[in-house]
Amino acid sequence: MIVYKSRDEVDKMRRAGRIVAGTIDRVVAAVRPNVTTAELDVVAESYILEQGATPSFKGYGGSNSGHVPFPASICTSINDEIVHGIPSKDRTVVEGDLLKLDFGAIWEGFHGDSAVTIIVGEPASA
């Protein structure tokens, strides 16, 4: 079954996507050697909230599911870790790390979601 969206719904989807794009820009600009993944999470959550949106991931899986809710606004995974890592004040990125960042924001009931992978600082020479 195909569910068609109204012009208003498409506009809300577009706005959610733009909020995620802005979040990506802010977080990527904050990535540098010795930053913690928790610091990057603060950058993301602050921007999402400033836009009047809600972080999609924070609290996900909680309430009546019987699972521990996801505690952060973004997912951060370093090097050989698979996606959906939990940001931590004890996780610091270093020069040459491969950093995967996953983002989500809810705007008026519609989710925007995207992920990027970047190298921290300068890549190691081969």
N, C-alpha and C. Protein backbone atom coordinates (compact mmCIF):
# COMPACT_ATOMS: atom_id res chain seq x y z
N MET A 1 0.84 -1.18 0.00
CA MET A 1 0.00 0.00 0.00
C MET A 1 0.89 1.24 0.00
N ILE A 2 0.63 2.14 -0.88
CA ILE A 2 1.36 3.39 -0.97
C ILE A 2 0.61 4.45 -0.16
N VAL A 3 1.33 5.12 0.73
CA VAL A 3 0.73 6.20 1.53
C VAL A 3 1.26 7.51 0.98
N TYR A 4 0.38 8.28 0.38
CA TYR A 4 0.77 9.57 -0.19
C TYR A 4 0.83 10.62 0.90
N LYS A 5 1.80 11.51 0.78
CA LYS A 5 1.97 12.59 1.74
C LYS A 5 1.40 13.88 1.17
N SER A 6 0.82 14.67 2.04
CA SER A 6 0.32 15.99 1.63
C SER A 6 1.51 16.93 1.45
N ARG A 7 1.26 18.05 0.85
CA ARG A 7 2.31 19.07 0.68
C ARG A 7 2.86 19.49 2.05
N ASP A 8 1.96 19.65 3.03
CA ASP A 8 2.38 20.02 4.39
C ASP A 8 3.26 18.94 5.01
N GLU A 9 2.90 17.67 4.83
CA GLU A 9 3.71 16.58 5.37
C GLU A 9 5.09 16.52 4.70
N VAL A 10 5.13 16.73 3.41
CA VAL A 10 6.41 16.75 2.70
C VAL A 10 7.26 17.91 3.20
N ASP A 11 6.66 19.05 3.45
CA ASP A 11 7.39 20.19 3.99
C ASP A 11 7.97 19.87 5.37
N LYS A 12 7.22 19.17 6.20
CA LYS A 12 7.70 18.77 7.52
C LYS A 12 8.85 17.77 7.41
N MET A 13 8.73 16.86 6.46
CA MET A 13 9.83 15.90 6.22
C MET A 13 11.08 16.64 5.77
N ARG A 14 10.90 17.61 4.90
CA ARG A 14 12.03 18.41 4.40
C ARG A 14 12.69 19.17 5.55
N ARG A 15 11.87 19.76 6.42
CA ARG A 15 12.40 20.51 7.57
C ARG A 15 13.19 19.59 8.50
N ALA A 16 12.67 18.38 8.77
CA ALA A 16 13.38 17.42 9.61
C ALA A 16 14.73 17.07 8.98
N GLY A 17 14.75 16.88 7.68
CA GLY A 17 16.01 16.58 6.99
C GLY A 17 16.99 17.74 7.05
N ARG A 18 16.49 18.94 6.95
CA ARG A 18 17.38 20.12 7.04
C ARG A 18 17.96 20.28 8.43
N ILE A 19 17.17 19.95 9.44
CA ILE A 19 17.68 20.01 10.81
C ILE A 19 18.81 18.99 10.98
N VAL A 20 18.62 17.80 10.45
CA VAL A 20 19.68 16.78 10.52
C VAL A 20 20.91 17.26 9.76
N ALA A 21 20.73 17.84 8.58
CA ALA A 21 21.87 18.34 7.81
C ALA A 21 22.63 19.41 8.59
N GLY A 22 21.91 20.31 9.24
CA GLY A 22 22.56 21.33 10.06
C GLY A 22 23.29 20.72 11.24
N THR A 23 22.71 19.68 11.82
CA THR A 23 23.36 18.99 12.94
C THR A 23 24.66 18.36 12.48
N ILE A 24 24.63 17.72 11.32
CA ILE A 24 25.85 17.11 10.77
C ILE A 24 26.93 18.18 10.59
N ASP A 25 26.56 19.30 10.00
CA ASP A 25 27.54 20.38 9.79
C ASP A 25 28.17 20.82 11.11
N ARG A 26 27.36 21.02 12.15
CA ARG A 26 27.87 21.47 13.44
C ARG A 26 28.78 20.43 14.08
N VAL A 27 28.37 19.19 14.05
CA VAL A 27 29.16 18.14 14.71
C VAL A 27 30.47 17.90 13.96
N VAL A 28 30.41 17.80 12.64
CA VAL A 28 31.64 17.57 11.87
C VAL A 28 32.63 18.71 12.10
N ALA A 29 32.13 19.93 12.21
CA ALA A 29 33.00 21.08 12.48
C ALA A 29 33.65 20.98 13.86
N ALA A 30 33.02 20.26 14.79
CA ALA A 30 33.55 20.11 16.15
C ALA A 30 34.51 18.93 16.30
N VAL A 31 34.59 18.08 15.28
CA VAL A 31 35.47 16.91 15.36
C VAL A 31 36.91 17.34 15.22
N ARG A 32 37.73 16.90 16.17
CA ARG A 32 39.16 17.17 16.16
C ARG A 32 39.81 16.14 17.08
N PRO A 33 41.08 15.91 16.93
CA PRO A 33 41.74 14.99 17.87
C PRO A 33 41.53 15.44 19.32
N ASN A 34 41.31 14.47 20.19
CA ASN A 34 41.12 14.65 21.63
C ASN A 34 39.74 15.13 22.06
N VAL A 35 38.78 15.21 21.14
CA VAL A 35 37.41 15.52 21.54
C VAL A 35 36.76 14.20 21.95
N THR A 36 35.89 14.26 22.95
CA THR A 36 35.19 13.03 23.35
C THR A 36 33.92 12.90 22.52
N THR A 37 33.46 11.67 22.42
CA THR A 37 32.21 11.46 21.70
C THR A 37 31.04 12.07 22.47
N ALA A 38 31.15 12.17 23.79
CA ALA A 38 30.10 12.83 24.58
C ALA A 38 30.03 14.32 24.24
N GLU A 39 31.18 14.95 24.01
CA GLU A 39 31.19 16.37 23.63
C GLU A 39 30.49 16.56 22.29
N LEU A 40 30.70 15.64 21.37
CA LEU A 40 30.03 15.72 20.07
C LEU A 40 28.52 15.55 20.22
N ASP A 41 28.13 14.68 21.14
CA ASP A 41 26.70 14.48 21.41
C ASP A 41 26.07 15.76 21.95
N VAL A 42 26.77 16.47 22.80
CA VAL A 42 26.24 17.74 23.33
C VAL A 42 26.04 18.75 22.21
N VAL A 43 26.99 18.83 21.29
CA VAL A 43 26.86 19.74 20.14
C VAL A 43 25.60 19.39 19.35
N ALA A 44 25.41 18.11 19.08
CA ALA A 44 24.26 17.66 18.30
C ALA A 44 22.95 17.96 19.01
N GLU A 45 22.86 17.55 20.26
CA GLU A 45 21.60 17.74 21.00
C GLU A 45 21.26 19.22 21.13
N SER A 46 22.25 20.05 21.40
CA SER A 46 22.00 21.49 21.53
C SER A 46 21.43 22.06 20.24
N TYR A 47 22.02 21.70 19.12
CA TYR A 47 21.54 22.23 17.84
C TYR A 47 20.12 21.74 17.54
N ILE A 48 19.88 20.46 17.72
CA ILE A 48 18.55 19.91 17.44
C ILE A 48 17.49 20.62 18.28
N LEU A 49 17.77 20.78 19.57
CA LEU A 49 16.81 21.46 20.46
C LEU A 49 16.64 22.93 20.09
N GLU A 50 17.73 23.60 19.70
CA GLU A 50 17.64 25.01 19.28
C GLU A 50 16.71 25.17 18.08
N GLN A 51 16.62 24.14 17.26
CA GLN A 51 15.76 24.19 16.07
C GLN A 51 14.30 23.87 16.40
N GLY A 52 14.02 23.56 17.66
CA GLY A 52 12.67 23.23 18.06
C GLY A 52 12.30 21.78 17.78
N ALA A 53 13.30 20.96 17.49
CA ALA A 53 13.08 19.55 17.20
C ALA A 53 13.47 18.70 18.41
N THR A 54 13.30 17.40 18.28
CA THR A 54 13.63 16.44 19.31
C THR A 54 14.62 15.43 18.74
N PRO A 55 15.68 15.07 19.48
CA PRO A 55 16.58 14.02 19.01
C PRO A 55 15.82 12.69 18.87
N SER A 56 15.93 12.06 17.70
CA SER A 56 15.20 10.81 17.46
C SER A 56 15.67 9.66 18.33
N PHE A 57 16.96 9.60 18.60
CA PHE A 57 17.53 8.40 19.23
C PHE A 57 17.43 8.42 20.75
N LYS A 58 17.47 9.60 21.34
CA LYS A 58 17.51 9.69 22.80
C LYS A 58 16.23 9.12 23.40
N GLY A 59 16.39 8.11 24.23
CA GLY A 59 15.24 7.46 24.84
C GLY A 59 14.66 6.34 24.02
N TYR A 60 15.17 6.14 22.80
CA TYR A 60 14.64 5.09 21.93
C TYR A 60 14.78 3.71 22.58
N GLY A 61 13.76 2.91 22.45
CA GLY A 61 13.79 1.55 22.98
C GLY A 61 13.43 1.44 24.44
N GLY A 62 13.07 2.54 25.05
CA GLY A 62 12.75 2.51 26.47
C GLY A 62 11.28 2.30 26.73
N SER A 63 10.79 2.90 27.74
CA SER A 63 9.41 2.82 28.25
C SER A 63 8.94 1.38 28.42
N ASN A 64 7.97 0.96 27.69
CA ASN A 64 7.36 -0.35 27.91
C ASN A 64 8.03 -1.49 27.16
N SER A 65 9.16 -1.23 26.50
CA SER A 65 9.80 -2.28 25.68
C SER A 65 10.58 -3.29 26.52
N GLY A 66 10.89 -2.93 27.76
CA GLY A 66 11.71 -3.81 28.58
C GLY A 66 13.20 -3.64 28.32
N HIS A 67 13.56 -2.74 27.41
CA HIS A 67 14.96 -2.48 27.10
C HIS A 67 15.42 -1.18 27.76
N VAL A 68 16.71 -1.05 27.91
CA VAL A 68 17.28 0.20 28.41
C VAL A 68 17.20 1.22 27.27
N PRO A 69 16.67 2.40 27.53
CA PRO A 69 16.56 3.40 26.45
C PRO A 69 17.93 3.90 26.02
N PHE A 70 18.05 4.24 24.73
CA PHE A 70 19.31 4.77 24.22
C PHE A 70 19.56 6.11 24.91
N PRO A 71 20.77 6.30 25.47
CA PRO A 71 21.02 7.46 26.34
C PRO A 71 21.51 8.73 25.65
N ALA A 72 21.66 8.72 24.33
CA ALA A 72 22.30 9.86 23.67
C ALA A 72 21.47 10.34 22.47
N SER A 73 21.89 11.48 21.93
CA SER A 73 21.20 12.07 20.79
C SER A 73 21.76 11.62 19.45
N ILE A 74 23.02 11.16 19.44
CA ILE A 74 23.62 10.63 18.22
C ILE A 74 24.28 9.29 18.54
N CYS A 75 24.65 8.59 17.50
CA CYS A 75 25.44 7.36 17.65
C CYS A 75 26.85 7.68 17.16
N THR A 76 27.85 7.18 17.88
CA THR A 76 29.25 7.42 17.52
C THR A 76 30.00 6.09 17.58
N SER A 77 30.67 5.75 16.49
CA SER A 77 31.45 4.51 16.43
C SER A 77 32.82 4.82 15.85
N ILE A 78 33.85 4.24 16.45
CA ILE A 78 35.22 4.55 16.08
C ILE A 78 35.89 3.33 15.46
N ASN A 79 36.58 3.57 14.36
CA ASN A 79 37.39 2.57 13.66
C ASN A 79 36.60 1.32 13.31
N ASP A 80 36.95 0.16 13.86
CA ASP A 80 36.31 -1.09 13.43
C ASP A 80 34.98 -1.37 14.13
N GLU A 81 34.51 -0.45 14.96
CA GLU A 81 33.20 -0.63 15.59
C GLU A 81 32.10 -0.47 14.55
N ILE A 82 31.09 -1.28 14.69
CA ILE A 82 29.93 -1.16 13.82
C ILE A 82 29.07 -0.02 14.35
N VAL A 83 28.16 0.47 13.53
CA VAL A 83 27.33 1.64 13.87
C VAL A 83 26.54 1.48 15.16
N HIS A 84 26.02 2.57 15.63
CA HIS A 84 25.15 2.69 16.80
C HIS A 84 25.89 2.64 18.13
N GLY A 85 27.15 3.07 18.12
CA GLY A 85 27.90 3.19 19.37
C GLY A 85 27.33 4.31 20.23
N ILE A 86 27.50 4.17 21.52
CA ILE A 86 26.98 5.14 22.48
C ILE A 86 28.08 6.15 22.83
N PRO A 87 27.81 7.45 22.65
CA PRO A 87 28.79 8.46 23.03
C PRO A 87 29.15 8.36 24.52
N SER A 88 30.41 8.70 24.83
CA SER A 88 30.88 8.60 26.21
C SER A 88 31.94 9.65 26.48
N LYS A 89 31.97 10.12 27.71
CA LYS A 89 33.04 11.05 28.12
C LYS A 89 34.38 10.33 28.19
N ASP A 90 34.36 9.01 28.19
CA ASP A 90 35.58 8.21 28.24
C ASP A 90 36.09 7.80 26.85
N ARG A 91 35.37 8.18 25.78
CA ARG A 91 35.77 7.83 24.42
C ARG A 91 36.30 9.08 23.73
N THR A 92 37.59 9.13 23.50
CA THR A 92 38.23 10.26 22.85
C THR A 92 38.72 9.83 21.47
N VAL A 93 38.46 10.66 20.47
CA VAL A 93 38.96 10.34 19.14
C VAL A 93 40.38 10.88 18.99
N VAL A 94 41.16 10.20 18.18
CA VAL A 94 42.54 10.61 17.94
C VAL A 94 42.79 10.77 16.45
N GLU A 95 43.87 11.44 16.13
CA GLU A 95 44.27 11.67 14.75
C GLU A 95 44.24 10.36 13.97
N GLY A 96 43.58 10.39 12.82
CA GLY A 96 43.54 9.23 11.93
C GLY A 96 42.40 8.26 12.20
N ASP A 97 41.63 8.46 13.30
CA ASP A 97 40.49 7.57 13.56
C ASP A 97 39.45 7.70 12.45
N LEU A 98 38.78 6.58 12.18
CA LEU A 98 37.62 6.57 11.30
C LEU A 98 36.40 6.69 12.21
N LEU A 99 35.67 7.78 12.09
CA LEU A 99 34.56 8.08 12.99
C LEU A 99 33.24 8.03 12.22
N LYS A 100 32.35 7.14 12.69
CA LYS A 100 31.02 7.04 12.10
C LYS A 100 30.03 7.75 13.02
N LEU A 101 29.24 8.62 12.43
CA LEU A 101 28.28 9.43 13.18
C LEU A 101 26.89 9.23 12.58
N ASP A 102 25.92 8.95 13.43
CA ASP A 102 24.54 8.72 12.98
C ASP A 102 23.65 9.73 13.69
N PHE A 103 22.76 10.37 12.92
CA PHE A 103 21.96 11.49 13.40
C PHE A 103 20.47 11.26 13.13
N GLY A 104 19.63 11.77 14.01
CA GLY A 104 18.19 11.75 13.77
C GLY A 104 17.51 12.86 14.53
N ALA A 105 16.50 13.46 13.90
CA ALA A 105 15.72 14.52 14.55
C ALA A 105 14.26 14.38 14.15
N ILE A 106 13.39 14.71 15.08
CA ILE A 106 11.95 14.68 14.84
C ILE A 106 11.43 16.11 14.79
N TRP A 107 10.78 16.45 13.71
CA TRP A 107 10.16 17.76 13.55
C TRP A 107 8.67 17.54 13.29
N GLU A 108 7.85 17.98 14.21
CA GLU A 108 6.39 17.89 14.09
C GLU A 108 5.96 16.49 13.64
N GLY A 109 6.55 15.47 14.28
CA GLY A 109 6.14 14.09 14.03
C GLY A 109 6.85 13.39 12.89
N PHE A 110 7.72 14.08 12.19
CA PHE A 110 8.43 13.48 11.06
C PHE A 110 9.93 13.39 11.37
N HIS A 111 10.50 12.25 11.04
CA HIS A 111 11.91 11.98 11.33
C HIS A 111 12.80 12.32 10.14
N GLY A 112 13.94 12.94 10.45
CA GLY A 112 15.03 13.05 9.50
C GLY A 112 16.14 12.18 10.05
N ASP A 113 16.89 11.50 9.20
CA ASP A 113 17.92 10.58 9.66
C ASP A 113 19.02 10.51 8.61
N SER A 114 20.25 10.54 9.06
CA SER A 114 21.38 10.43 8.14
C SER A 114 22.62 10.03 8.92
N ALA A 115 23.62 9.55 8.20
CA ALA A 115 24.88 9.17 8.83
C ALA A 115 26.04 9.61 7.93
N VAL A 116 27.17 9.86 8.56
CA VAL A 116 28.39 10.19 7.83
C VAL A 116 29.56 9.44 8.45
N THR A 117 30.58 9.26 7.66
CA THR A 117 31.84 8.68 8.13
C THR A 117 32.94 9.65 7.75
N ILE A 118 33.79 9.99 8.73
CA ILE A 118 34.88 10.94 8.48
C ILE A 118 36.17 10.41 9.10
N ILE A 119 37.26 10.96 8.64
CA ILE A 119 38.57 10.69 9.25
C ILE A 119 38.88 11.86 10.16
N VAL A 120 39.29 11.57 11.37
CA VAL A 120 39.63 12.60 12.35
C VAL A 120 41.01 13.16 11.98
N GLY A 121 41.09 14.46 11.82
CA GLY A 121 42.38 15.09 11.47
C GLY A 121 42.84 14.66 10.09
N GLU A 122 44.12 14.40 9.98
CA GLU A 122 44.69 13.99 8.71
C GLU A 122 44.76 12.47 8.64
N PRO A 123 44.41 11.90 7.49
CA PRO A 123 44.50 10.43 7.37
C PRO A 123 45.95 9.97 7.42
N ALA A 124 46.14 8.77 7.95
CA ALA A 124 47.49 8.18 7.98
C ALA A 124 47.94 7.88 6.56
N SER A 125 49.22 8.07 6.31
CA SER A 125 49.73 7.77 4.97
C SER A 125 49.83 6.26 4.77
N ALA A 126 49.61 5.84 3.55
CA ALA A 126 49.62 4.39 3.26
C ALA A 126 51.03 3.89 3.02
